[in-house]
Amino acid sequence: MARRARSRRDTGAAAIAAPPSPYIRRSLPFFDVLDEETVVKLEGQVDWILQDVGIDFRDDPDALRIWREAGADVSDCRVKAPADWVRSLCAKAPKEFTQIARNPERSVTIGGRNQVFAPIYGAPFVRDLEHGRRYGDLDALEKLVKLAYMHPNLHHTGLVIVEPCDIPVSHRHLDMLYLHMSRSDKPHLGAITEVSRAEDSVAMAEILHGREVMDEHCVIMANVNTNSPLLVDKVVTQAIRVYCGRGQGIIVVPFILSGAMGPVSTAASVTQAMAEAMICCAFAQLVRPGAPFVLGNFLSSMSLKSGAPTFGMPEPVISNYAIGQMARRAGLPLRCGGSLTASKIEDAQAAYESADSMHSTMLAGSNYTLHAAGWLEGGLCTGFEKLVMDADRLGSYQKVLDRGLVVDDESLARDAYGEVVPGGHFLGCGHTMRNYTEAFYEPKLSDSENVESWEDGGSTDMRVRAFERWNAMLEQYEQPELDVATDEALRDYVARRKREIPEAWY
């Protein structure tokens, strides 16, 4: 089916245009679901965890030294700190900041009323209609970077849209970074899995942007997970020291499956997530006051029969709302949610779960949303069709967020009522003709025509239309211009580091 569909592909459907804004400036009010009494009770639990329970910082003696010198209660590797002190440290982080893209028109502002969408991160497998499910490779990653760059509803390209498993693990970050820096001019993330990889990311970002720009601005961020429950390992603390030490951004995300890495109750897991993230924010501010920090939340439910994670369920949906409200009270930018599903393909389950997850993410006010497009199989697989399907829906969320209900003289259309008689229609009136091109959001992949037109077009379903679209987009891809000397310097750096780093596949 996929090969036949490809011959019918409508390349015009993939036409791209730069978005009117490189990110969303939200006008819609935030959806705050908690009353003051409930918020205060949850914050009390966060404070109790910070002060009385404590959080382990393991395998990084320098991190423990920083805590001791700052005055925290450090016993073995357990760190306890007064909650008001932790909150005062978190207050040093900017409420919003801008990550500079190499194309200044694509820079994104994170925090406040701004929202940024980025694709899936970290999947080892990739899937499409023509080739099925397989391990990711560098070719697949390059195509996905191009698609994320081209799609106007994705504002940021992330990093590991899929793992390039044909490249040694020890070299992989270099190739991924170069692809994001050369095939796209949108902002992206850096590597975190080992301290030298974080250092390489910062070094390549300095080559791309220049020392002067990097000294004054955030040009790269990294995304890292705590080892829930209540454990911050050296991957987190070393990444903070590398990125924040250079004035760059860090996103710290407690990864909690309620019932496994956190208590089975959503309220307890939310407070645990807040405590783990806030202690890392405090540490980042000890490393460098004012370093950009994004408070993350990845809270999911699970099947207590099998242990499998579940997505789009009511518990993680309500956690998005709760942690959004609490992050705003803490004055920190938020990352949560995404188009998450446990489904293996782009089916009804994927649609329901992804829509519920992403809709709550949108309303909760996630300032930076990783996994906004492409997520399948609980995050193990990146779907080419899923990427463009999800991104298509992101456009509708964007219109809700940045427009809301417009009420002005033009939207009230009083002149139209003077033109249209009772029982008539508004199809050809002046107001309609002035506004028809932007009156309604038109998804690229939905088919709203009658059944005869659909049958004449080949009776294609959404997956086939998505397959056609991403292939057509790649045919139209044009690489954004990159300064020749900068490109050569990046290539030289990658080649030198590959010579210095032994190949390792683990």
Protein backbone atom coordinates (compact mmCIF):
# COMPACT_ATOMS: atom_id res chain seq x y z
CA MET A 1 0.00 0.00 0.00
CA ALA A 2 2.76 2.42 0.93
CA ARG A 3 4.52 2.07 -2.43
CA ARG A 4 1.29 2.59 -4.38
CA ALA A 5 0.42 5.58 -2.25
CA ARG A 6 3.80 7.10 -2.92
CA SER A 7 3.11 7.26 -6.66
CA ARG A 8 -0.10 9.21 -5.96
CA ARG A 9 1.63 11.62 -3.63
CA ASP A 10 0.47 15.22 -3.84
CA THR A 11 3.69 17.18 -3.44
CA GLY A 12 1.75 20.38 -3.13
CA ALA A 13 0.41 19.15 0.21
CA ALA A 14 3.89 19.46 1.68
CA ALA A 15 4.45 23.09 0.85
CA ILE A 16 6.12 24.79 3.78
CA ALA A 17 6.03 28.30 5.09
CA ALA A 18 7.75 29.94 8.02
CA PRO A 19 5.35 30.32 10.95
CA PRO A 20 4.27 33.82 11.88
CA SER A 21 6.07 33.28 15.18
CA PRO A 22 8.87 30.81 15.98
CA TYR A 23 7.04 29.92 19.22
CA ILE A 24 3.65 30.47 20.82
CA ARG A 25 2.87 33.62 22.75
CA ARG A 26 -0.05 32.43 24.80
CA SER A 27 -3.12 34.64 25.25
CA LEU A 28 -5.40 31.90 26.62
CA PRO A 29 -5.64 31.92 30.45
CA PHE A 30 -3.91 29.07 32.28
CA PHE A 31 -6.11 26.22 33.46
CA ASP A 32 -5.54 26.24 37.24
CA VAL A 33 -7.43 23.32 38.77
CA LEU A 34 -6.23 23.55 42.38
CA ASP A 35 -7.67 25.84 45.02
CA GLU A 36 -5.37 27.73 47.38
CA GLU A 37 -5.81 25.29 50.25
CA THR A 38 -4.85 22.33 48.06
CA VAL A 39 -1.80 24.07 46.61
CA VAL A 40 -0.56 25.02 50.06
CA LYS A 41 -0.99 21.43 51.25
CA LEU A 42 0.96 20.09 48.27
CA GLU A 43 3.71 22.67 48.77
CA GLY A 44 3.92 21.59 52.40
CA GLN A 45 4.61 18.05 51.23
CA VAL A 46 7.33 19.33 48.87
CA ASP A 47 8.93 21.21 51.76
CA TRP A 48 8.76 18.10 53.97
CA ILE A 49 10.60 16.04 51.32
CA LEU A 50 13.30 18.70 50.96
CA GLN A 51 13.83 19.24 54.69
CA ASP A 52 13.00 15.97 56.44
CA VAL A 53 13.31 13.19 53.86
CA GLY A 54 16.14 14.54 51.72
CA ILE A 55 17.41 13.53 48.30
CA ASP A 56 20.54 11.49 47.50
CA PHE A 57 23.28 13.00 45.29
CA ARG A 58 25.43 10.04 44.30
CA ASP A 59 28.70 9.38 42.44
CA ASP A 60 29.74 13.03 42.18
CA PRO A 61 31.92 14.19 45.11
CA ASP A 62 32.11 17.69 43.64
CA ALA A 63 28.33 18.00 43.86
CA LEU A 64 28.40 17.05 47.55
CA ARG A 65 31.25 19.52 48.12
CA ILE A 66 29.18 22.31 46.55
CA TRP A 67 26.27 21.48 48.83
CA ARG A 68 28.44 21.32 51.96
CA GLU A 69 30.16 24.61 51.19
CA ALA A 70 26.76 26.23 50.65
CA GLY A 71 25.57 25.07 54.09
CA ALA A 72 23.23 22.17 53.30
CA ASP A 73 22.83 19.20 55.67
CA VAL A 74 24.85 16.47 53.92
CA SER A 75 24.99 13.01 55.51
CA ASP A 76 26.83 10.44 53.41
CA CYS A 77 25.18 11.31 50.06
CA ARG A 78 21.81 12.44 51.42
CA VAL A 79 21.16 16.17 51.05
CA LYS A 80 18.58 17.97 53.18
CA ALA A 81 17.97 21.70 53.02
CA PRO A 82 15.51 24.23 54.45
CA ALA A 83 12.69 24.62 51.99
CA ASP A 84 12.69 28.42 52.15
CA TRP A 85 16.40 28.40 51.23
CA VAL A 86 15.79 26.04 48.31
CA ARG A 87 12.97 28.27 47.09
CA SER A 88 15.15 31.37 47.43
CA LEU A 89 17.80 29.69 45.30
CA CYS A 90 15.19 28.70 42.70
CA ALA A 91 14.10 32.34 42.59
CA LYS A 92 17.51 33.19 41.10
CA ALA A 93 16.64 31.25 37.93
CA PRO A 94 15.02 33.40 35.22
CA LYS A 95 11.24 33.14 34.93
CA GLU A 96 11.72 33.29 31.19
CA PHE A 97 14.73 33.28 28.90
CA THR A 98 15.50 33.11 25.18
CA GLN A 99 17.41 30.31 23.51
CA ILE A 100 19.16 31.87 20.53
CA ALA A 101 18.93 29.94 17.26
CA ARG A 102 21.61 30.33 14.59
CA ASN A 103 18.83 31.94 12.56
CA PRO A 104 17.74 34.73 14.92
CA GLU A 105 14.22 34.63 13.46
CA ARG A 106 13.83 31.14 14.95
CA SER A 107 15.00 31.92 18.50
CA VAL A 108 12.53 30.79 21.16
CA THR A 109 11.53 32.36 24.46
CA ILE A 110 10.87 29.80 27.20
CA GLY A 111 8.86 30.59 30.31
CA GLY A 112 6.18 33.11 31.18
CA ARG A 113 3.27 32.87 28.74
CA ASN A 114 5.39 31.31 25.99
CA GLN A 115 5.11 27.72 24.73
CA VAL A 116 7.55 25.80 22.55
CA PHE A 117 6.94 22.43 20.85
CA ALA A 118 9.74 19.92 20.09
CA PRO A 119 9.63 16.34 18.72
CA ILE A 120 10.11 13.02 20.50
CA TYR A 121 13.43 12.38 22.21
CA GLY A 122 15.37 9.19 22.86
CA ALA A 123 13.67 6.38 20.90
CA PRO A 124 15.96 3.56 19.72
CA PHE A 125 13.49 2.38 17.05
CA VAL A 126 11.86 4.07 14.09
CA ARG A 127 8.82 3.10 12.04
CA ASP A 128 7.23 4.07 8.74
CA LEU A 129 4.69 2.53 6.40
CA GLU A 130 7.21 1.46 3.79
CA HIS A 131 9.98 -0.08 5.92
CA GLY A 132 8.17 -0.98 9.13
CA ARG A 133 9.80 -1.00 12.57
CA ARG A 134 13.59 -1.08 12.76
CA TYR A 135 16.51 0.27 14.74
CA GLY A 136 17.18 3.93 14.10
CA ASP A 137 20.17 4.93 12.04
CA LEU A 138 21.89 8.15 10.96
CA ASP A 139 19.89 8.34 7.73
CA ALA A 140 16.59 8.16 9.62
CA LEU A 141 17.76 10.80 12.09
CA GLU A 142 18.80 13.13 9.27
CA LYS A 143 15.37 12.82 7.67
CA LEU A 144 13.65 13.47 10.99
CA VAL A 145 15.80 16.53 11.69
CA LYS A 146 14.85 17.88 8.27
CA LEU A 147 11.16 17.28 8.94
CA ALA A 148 11.32 18.96 12.35
CA TYR A 149 13.11 21.89 10.74
CA MET A 150 10.56 22.17 7.94
CA HIS A 151 7.37 21.81 9.95
CA PRO A 152 6.03 25.21 11.04
CA ASN A 153 4.31 23.77 14.13
CA LEU A 154 7.56 22.46 15.62
CA HIS A 155 9.64 25.29 17.06
CA HIS A 156 12.67 23.34 18.30
CA THR A 157 14.37 20.19 16.99
CA GLY A 158 15.39 18.56 20.30
CA LEU A 159 18.31 16.16 19.77
CA VAL A 160 17.73 12.39 19.79
CA ILE A 161 14.65 12.28 17.56
CA VAL A 162 15.79 8.71 17.07
CA GLU A 163 19.00 7.01 18.16
CA PRO A 164 21.42 6.51 15.23
CA CYS A 165 22.25 2.94 16.26
CA ASP A 166 24.65 2.42 13.34
CA ILE A 167 27.11 4.88 14.94
CA PRO A 168 29.26 3.91 17.96
CA VAL A 169 27.73 5.21 21.18
CA SER A 170 30.93 7.08 22.04
CA HIS A 171 30.78 9.03 18.73
CA ARG A 172 27.03 9.26 18.30
CA HIS A 173 26.52 12.63 19.99
CA LEU A 174 28.94 14.32 17.57
CA ASP A 175 27.01 13.22 14.50
CA MET A 176 23.67 14.10 16.07
CA LEU A 177 24.83 17.59 17.00
CA TYR A 178 26.29 18.23 13.56
CA LEU A 179 23.03 17.19 11.88
CA HIS A 180 21.00 19.58 14.03
CA MET A 181 23.49 22.40 13.48
CA SER A 182 23.79 21.96 9.71
CA ARG A 183 20.45 20.58 8.49
CA SER A 184 18.36 22.99 10.55
CA ASP A 185 18.64 26.54 11.84
CA LYS A 186 16.16 26.06 14.68
CA PRO A 187 17.33 25.76 18.30
CA HIS A 188 18.22 22.30 19.61
CA LEU A 189 19.47 20.41 22.66
CA GLY A 190 22.86 19.02 23.59
CA ALA A 191 24.05 15.63 24.88
CA ILE A 192 24.14 14.63 28.55
CA THR A 193 24.90 10.90 28.84
CA GLU A 194 28.56 11.39 29.81
CA VAL A 195 30.41 14.50 30.94
CA SER A 196 32.71 14.70 27.91
CA ARG A 197 29.67 14.51 25.62
CA ALA A 198 28.14 17.46 27.42
CA GLU A 199 31.45 19.31 27.05
CA ASP A 200 31.53 18.50 23.33
CA SER A 201 28.00 19.87 22.98
CA VAL A 202 28.93 23.16 24.61
CA ALA A 203 32.14 23.40 22.58
CA MET A 204 30.31 22.84 19.27
CA ALA A 205 27.66 25.37 20.27
CA GLU A 206 30.43 27.91 20.84
CA ILE A 207 31.83 27.20 17.37
CA LEU A 208 28.36 27.65 15.86
CA HIS A 209 27.40 30.84 17.69
CA GLY A 210 30.73 32.38 18.69
CA ARG A 211 32.15 32.98 22.16
CA GLU A 212 30.76 36.50 22.47
CA VAL A 213 27.18 35.42 21.75
CA MET A 214 27.49 32.41 24.04
CA ASP A 215 28.89 34.53 26.88
CA GLU A 216 25.75 36.67 26.84
CA HIS A 217 22.97 34.30 25.76
CA CYS A 218 21.60 30.79 26.11
CA VAL A 219 22.34 29.07 22.79
CA ILE A 220 21.98 25.43 23.88
CA MET A 221 20.09 23.47 26.53
CA ALA A 222 20.20 19.90 27.73
CA ASN A 223 17.47 17.61 29.02
CA VAL A 224 18.27 15.19 31.85
CA ASN A 225 16.25 12.90 34.15
CA THR A 226 16.59 12.37 37.87
CA ASN A 227 16.80 8.75 38.93
CA SER A 228 13.49 8.67 40.78
CA PRO A 229 12.71 8.07 43.55
CA LEU A 230 14.77 10.72 45.34
CA LEU A 231 18.09 10.13 43.59
CA VAL A 232 20.17 12.60 41.60
CA ASP A 233 23.13 10.84 39.98
CA LYS A 234 26.29 12.19 38.40
CA VAL A 235 24.73 12.36 34.92
CA VAL A 236 22.47 15.12 36.26
CA THR A 237 24.99 17.00 38.38
CA GLN A 238 27.76 16.86 35.79
CA ALA A 239 25.39 18.06 33.08
CA ILE A 240 24.32 20.94 35.32
CA ARG A 241 27.92 21.86 36.01
CA VAL A 242 28.86 21.76 32.32
CA TYR A 243 25.84 23.58 30.89
CA CYS A 244 24.92 25.95 33.71
CA GLY A 245 28.58 26.57 34.47
CA ARG A 246 28.82 28.04 30.98
CA GLY A 247 25.60 30.03 31.41
CA GLN A 248 23.56 27.63 29.27
CA GLY A 249 20.19 26.02 30.02
CA ILE A 250 19.26 22.77 31.73
CA ILE A 251 15.94 20.92 31.86
CA VAL A 252 15.68 18.49 34.78
CA VAL A 253 12.83 16.00 34.60
CA PRO A 254 11.86 13.50 37.30
CA PHE A 255 10.70 10.39 35.40
CA ILE A 256 8.03 8.89 37.61
CA LEU A 257 5.78 5.94 36.91
CA SER A 258 3.35 6.19 39.82
CA GLY A 259 3.41 2.91 41.69
CA ALA A 260 7.06 2.24 40.78
CA MET A 261 9.30 5.33 40.92
CA GLY A 262 6.76 7.19 43.04
CA PRO A 263 3.79 6.39 45.26
CA VAL A 264 0.67 5.10 43.56
CA SER A 265 -1.19 8.31 44.43
CA THR A 266 -0.93 11.17 41.95
CA ALA A 267 -0.71 13.83 44.68
CA ALA A 268 2.35 12.22 46.26
CA SER A 269 4.06 11.70 42.91
CA VAL A 270 3.46 15.34 41.93
CA THR A 271 5.07 16.58 45.13
CA GLN A 272 7.98 14.18 44.73
CA ALA A 273 8.53 15.47 41.19
CA MET A 274 8.49 19.06 42.42
CA ALA A 275 11.00 18.30 45.19
CA GLU A 276 13.40 16.44 42.89
CA ALA A 277 13.31 19.16 40.25
CA MET A 278 13.54 22.07 42.69
CA ILE A 279 16.58 20.65 44.50
CA CYS A 280 18.30 20.39 41.11
CA CYS A 281 17.33 23.97 40.30
CA ALA A 282 18.83 25.07 43.60
CA PHE A 283 22.03 23.16 42.76
CA ALA A 284 22.16 24.81 39.33
CA GLN A 285 21.93 28.24 40.98
CA LEU A 286 24.78 27.33 43.35
CA VAL A 287 26.84 26.46 40.28
CA ARG A 288 25.93 29.73 38.55
CA PRO A 289 23.27 32.13 39.81
CA GLY A 290 20.87 33.07 37.04
CA ALA A 291 21.53 29.97 34.91
CA PRO A 292 18.44 29.10 32.82
CA PHE A 293 16.50 26.20 34.31
CA VAL A 294 13.33 24.41 33.21
CA LEU A 295 11.40 22.38 35.78
CA GLY A 296 10.32 19.11 34.22
CA ASN A 297 7.60 16.63 34.96
CA PHE A 298 7.15 13.26 33.30
CA LEU A 299 4.59 11.52 35.43
CA SER A 300 2.77 8.51 34.04
CA SER A 301 0.46 5.88 35.36
CA MET A 302 1.14 2.17 34.92
CA SER A 303 -0.63 -1.13 34.73
CA LEU A 304 -0.35 -2.59 38.21
CA LYS A 305 -0.94 -6.01 36.68
CA SER A 306 1.92 -6.00 34.15
CA GLY A 307 4.07 -3.00 35.15
CA ALA A 308 3.70 -1.47 31.69
CA PRO A 309 3.45 2.35 31.53
CA THR A 310 0.17 3.82 30.35
CA PHE A 311 -0.33 7.21 28.72
CA GLY A 312 -3.15 9.68 28.21
CA MET A 313 -4.82 8.41 31.36
CA PRO A 314 -6.66 10.67 33.82
CA GLU A 315 -3.92 10.55 36.47
CA PRO A 316 -1.08 11.97 34.32
CA VAL A 317 -3.54 14.42 32.77
CA ILE A 318 -4.40 15.87 36.17
CA SER A 319 -0.70 15.84 37.13
CA ASN A 320 0.03 18.13 34.16
CA TYR A 321 -2.51 20.65 35.44
CA ALA A 322 -1.28 20.42 39.04
CA ILE A 323 2.41 20.72 38.32
CA GLY A 324 1.79 23.56 35.87
CA GLN A 325 0.11 25.53 38.61
CA MET A 326 2.83 24.71 41.14
CA ALA A 327 5.66 25.57 38.72
CA ARG A 328 4.16 28.99 38.09
CA ARG A 329 3.95 29.61 41.84
CA ALA A 330 7.63 28.62 42.10
CA GLY A 331 8.44 31.06 39.29
CA LEU A 332 10.05 28.42 37.07
CA PRO A 333 9.55 27.55 33.39
CA LEU A 334 7.84 24.18 32.93
CA ARG A 335 8.32 21.13 30.75
CA CYS A 336 5.68 18.40 30.82
CA GLY A 337 3.55 16.09 28.73
CA GLY A 338 3.59 15.59 24.98
CA SER A 339 1.72 13.49 22.42
CA LEU A 340 2.22 10.30 24.42
CA THR A 341 0.82 6.85 23.73
CA ALA A 342 1.52 3.21 24.44
CA SER A 343 0.18 2.24 21.00
CA LYS A 344 2.55 0.56 18.55
CA ILE A 345 1.14 2.23 15.43
CA GLU A 346 -0.86 5.32 14.52
CA ASP A 347 -4.25 3.88 15.37
CA ALA A 348 -7.29 4.99 17.40
CA GLN A 349 -5.51 4.22 20.67
CA ALA A 350 -2.61 6.46 19.63
CA ALA A 351 -5.00 9.24 18.66
CA TYR A 352 -7.01 9.15 21.89
CA GLU A 353 -4.05 8.87 24.24
CA SER A 354 -1.91 11.43 22.41
CA ALA A 355 -4.76 13.93 22.16
CA ASP A 356 -5.64 13.70 25.86
CA SER A 357 -2.00 13.94 26.88
CA MET A 358 -1.16 16.85 24.58
CA HIS A 359 -4.36 18.78 25.25
CA SER A 360 -3.69 18.78 28.99
CA THR A 361 -0.07 19.75 28.29
CA MET A 362 -1.30 22.72 26.28
CA LEU A 363 -3.80 23.93 28.87
CA ALA A 364 -1.38 23.33 31.76
CA GLY A 365 1.03 25.86 30.25
CA SER A 366 4.04 23.70 29.44
CA ASN A 367 6.64 26.24 28.33
CA TYR A 368 8.81 23.66 26.60
CA THR A 369 7.18 20.44 25.42
CA LEU A 370 9.45 17.61 24.37
CA HIS A 371 7.71 14.60 22.75
CA ALA A 372 5.13 16.91 21.15
CA ALA A 373 5.27 14.82 17.94
CA GLY A 374 6.35 11.36 16.82
CA TRP A 375 5.98 9.32 20.03
CA LEU A 376 4.93 5.65 19.74
CA GLU A 377 5.24 2.50 21.82
CA GLY A 378 5.75 4.22 25.18
CA GLY A 379 8.65 6.23 23.74
CA LEU A 380 10.57 3.29 22.32
CA CYS A 381 9.75 4.13 18.73
CA THR A 382 9.60 7.25 16.56
CA GLY A 383 6.94 7.16 13.88
CA PHE A 384 7.51 9.13 10.68
CA GLU A 385 3.77 9.22 10.06
CA LYS A 386 3.10 9.95 13.74
CA LEU A 387 5.51 12.90 13.63
CA VAL A 388 3.64 14.74 10.89
CA MET A 389 0.22 13.69 12.21
CA ASP A 390 0.99 15.06 15.66
CA ALA A 391 2.57 18.21 14.26
CA ASP A 392 -0.54 18.78 12.15
CA ARG A 393 -2.64 18.85 15.31
CA LEU A 394 -0.17 21.13 17.07
CA GLY A 395 -1.29 23.85 14.69
CA SER A 396 -4.80 23.71 16.12
CA TYR A 397 -3.43 23.96 19.68
CA GLN A 398 -1.32 26.91 18.60
CA LYS A 399 -4.39 28.75 17.31
CA VAL A 400 -6.27 28.11 20.55
CA LEU A 401 -3.34 29.33 22.64
CA ASP A 402 -2.24 32.42 20.78
CA ARG A 403 -5.63 33.58 19.52
CA GLY A 404 -8.30 32.32 21.92
CA LEU A 405 -11.65 33.98 21.26
CA VAL A 406 -11.01 37.19 19.36
CA VAL A 407 -13.61 39.83 20.19
CA ASP A 408 -13.29 43.07 18.21
CA ASP A 409 -15.35 45.03 15.70
CA GLU A 410 -14.27 42.81 12.82
CA SER A 411 -14.98 39.53 14.62
CA LEU A 412 -18.46 40.68 15.69
CA ALA A 413 -19.30 41.10 11.98
CA ARG A 414 -22.07 43.67 12.33
CA ASP A 415 -21.74 44.73 8.70
CA ALA A 416 -22.48 41.13 7.64
CA TYR A 417 -25.88 41.23 9.35
CA GLY A 418 -26.69 44.34 7.31
CA GLU A 419 -25.80 42.51 4.11
CA VAL A 420 -27.40 39.09 4.69
CA VAL A 421 -31.18 38.80 4.83
CA PRO A 422 -32.93 36.47 7.31
CA GLY A 423 -32.86 32.94 5.94
CA GLY A 424 -29.97 33.80 3.61
CA HIS A 425 -26.32 32.77 4.00
CA PHE A 426 -22.99 34.38 4.75
CA LEU A 427 -20.90 32.49 2.17
CA GLY A 428 -20.39 35.36 -0.23
CA CYS A 429 -20.76 38.40 1.99
CA GLY A 430 -18.01 40.94 2.40
CA HIS A 431 -17.07 39.87 5.91
CA THR A 432 -16.62 36.27 4.80
CA MET A 433 -14.53 37.29 1.80
CA ARG A 434 -12.27 39.43 3.98
CA ASN A 435 -11.62 36.67 6.49
CA TYR A 436 -12.07 33.30 4.81
CA THR A 437 -8.37 32.53 4.37
CA GLU A 438 -7.68 32.65 8.13
CA ALA A 439 -11.13 32.13 9.66
CA PHE A 440 -10.64 28.44 10.46
CA TYR A 441 -7.67 26.20 11.07
CA GLU A 442 -7.29 23.76 8.17
CA PRO A 443 -5.34 20.62 9.05
CA LYS A 444 -3.18 19.41 6.19
CA LEU A 445 -3.87 15.72 6.77
CA SER A 446 -7.59 15.57 7.59
CA ASP A 447 -10.02 14.67 4.81
CA SER A 448 -13.31 16.53 5.23
CA GLU A 449 -14.67 16.05 1.73
CA ASN A 450 -17.61 13.83 0.81
CA VAL A 451 -17.17 10.09 0.46
CA GLU A 452 -17.23 10.21 -3.36
CA SER A 453 -14.30 12.65 -3.43
CA TRP A 454 -12.45 10.54 -0.90
CA GLU A 455 -12.96 7.41 -2.98
CA ASP A 456 -11.87 9.21 -6.15
CA GLY A 457 -8.68 10.18 -4.34
CA GLY A 458 -7.85 6.55 -3.54
CA SER A 459 -9.72 6.05 -0.24
CA THR A 460 -6.56 6.82 1.71
CA ASP A 461 -6.56 6.79 5.50
CA MET A 462 -4.63 9.19 7.73
CA ARG A 463 -1.51 7.02 7.89
CA VAL A 464 -1.18 6.88 4.11
CA ARG A 465 -1.76 10.62 3.79
CA ALA A 466 0.90 11.21 6.45
CA PHE A 467 3.32 8.92 4.60
CA GLU A 468 2.74 10.90 1.43
CA ARG A 469 3.23 14.19 3.22
CA TRP A 470 6.54 13.51 4.91
CA ASN A 471 8.02 12.06 1.73
CA ALA A 472 6.87 15.10 -0.23
CA MET A 473 8.33 17.40 2.42
CA LEU A 474 11.73 15.74 2.11
CA GLU A 475 11.64 16.17 -1.65
CA GLN A 476 11.20 19.91 -1.09
CA TYR A 477 13.86 20.24 1.61
CA GLU A 478 16.48 22.92 1.12
CA GLN A 479 19.37 23.05 3.57
CA PRO A 480 19.58 26.36 5.43
CA GLU A 481 22.71 28.29 4.61
CA LEU A 482 25.60 27.87 7.04
CA ASP A 483 28.76 29.98 7.00
CA VAL A 484 31.45 27.98 5.19
CA ALA A 485 34.15 28.65 7.78
CA THR A 486 31.81 27.71 10.63
CA ASP A 487 30.79 24.49 8.87
CA GLU A 488 34.43 23.60 8.30
CA ALA A 489 35.25 24.27 11.95
CA LEU A 490 32.39 22.03 13.08
CA ARG A 491 33.49 19.24 10.74
CA ASP A 492 37.09 19.55 11.94
CA TYR A 493 35.97 19.36 15.57
CA VAL A 494 33.86 16.25 14.94
CA ALA A 495 36.69 14.55 13.03
CA ARG A 496 39.27 15.39 15.72
CA ARG A 497 37.09 14.17 18.57
CA LYS A 498 36.32 10.91 16.74
CA ARG A 499 40.06 10.32 16.43
CA GLU A 500 40.53 11.02 20.15
CA ILE A 501 37.58 8.96 21.45
CA PRO A 502 37.85 5.15 21.14
CA GLU A 503 34.87 3.53 19.47
CA ALA A 504 32.50 1.98 22.00
CA TRP A 505 29.09 0.44 21.44
CA TYR A 506 27.82 0.76 25.00
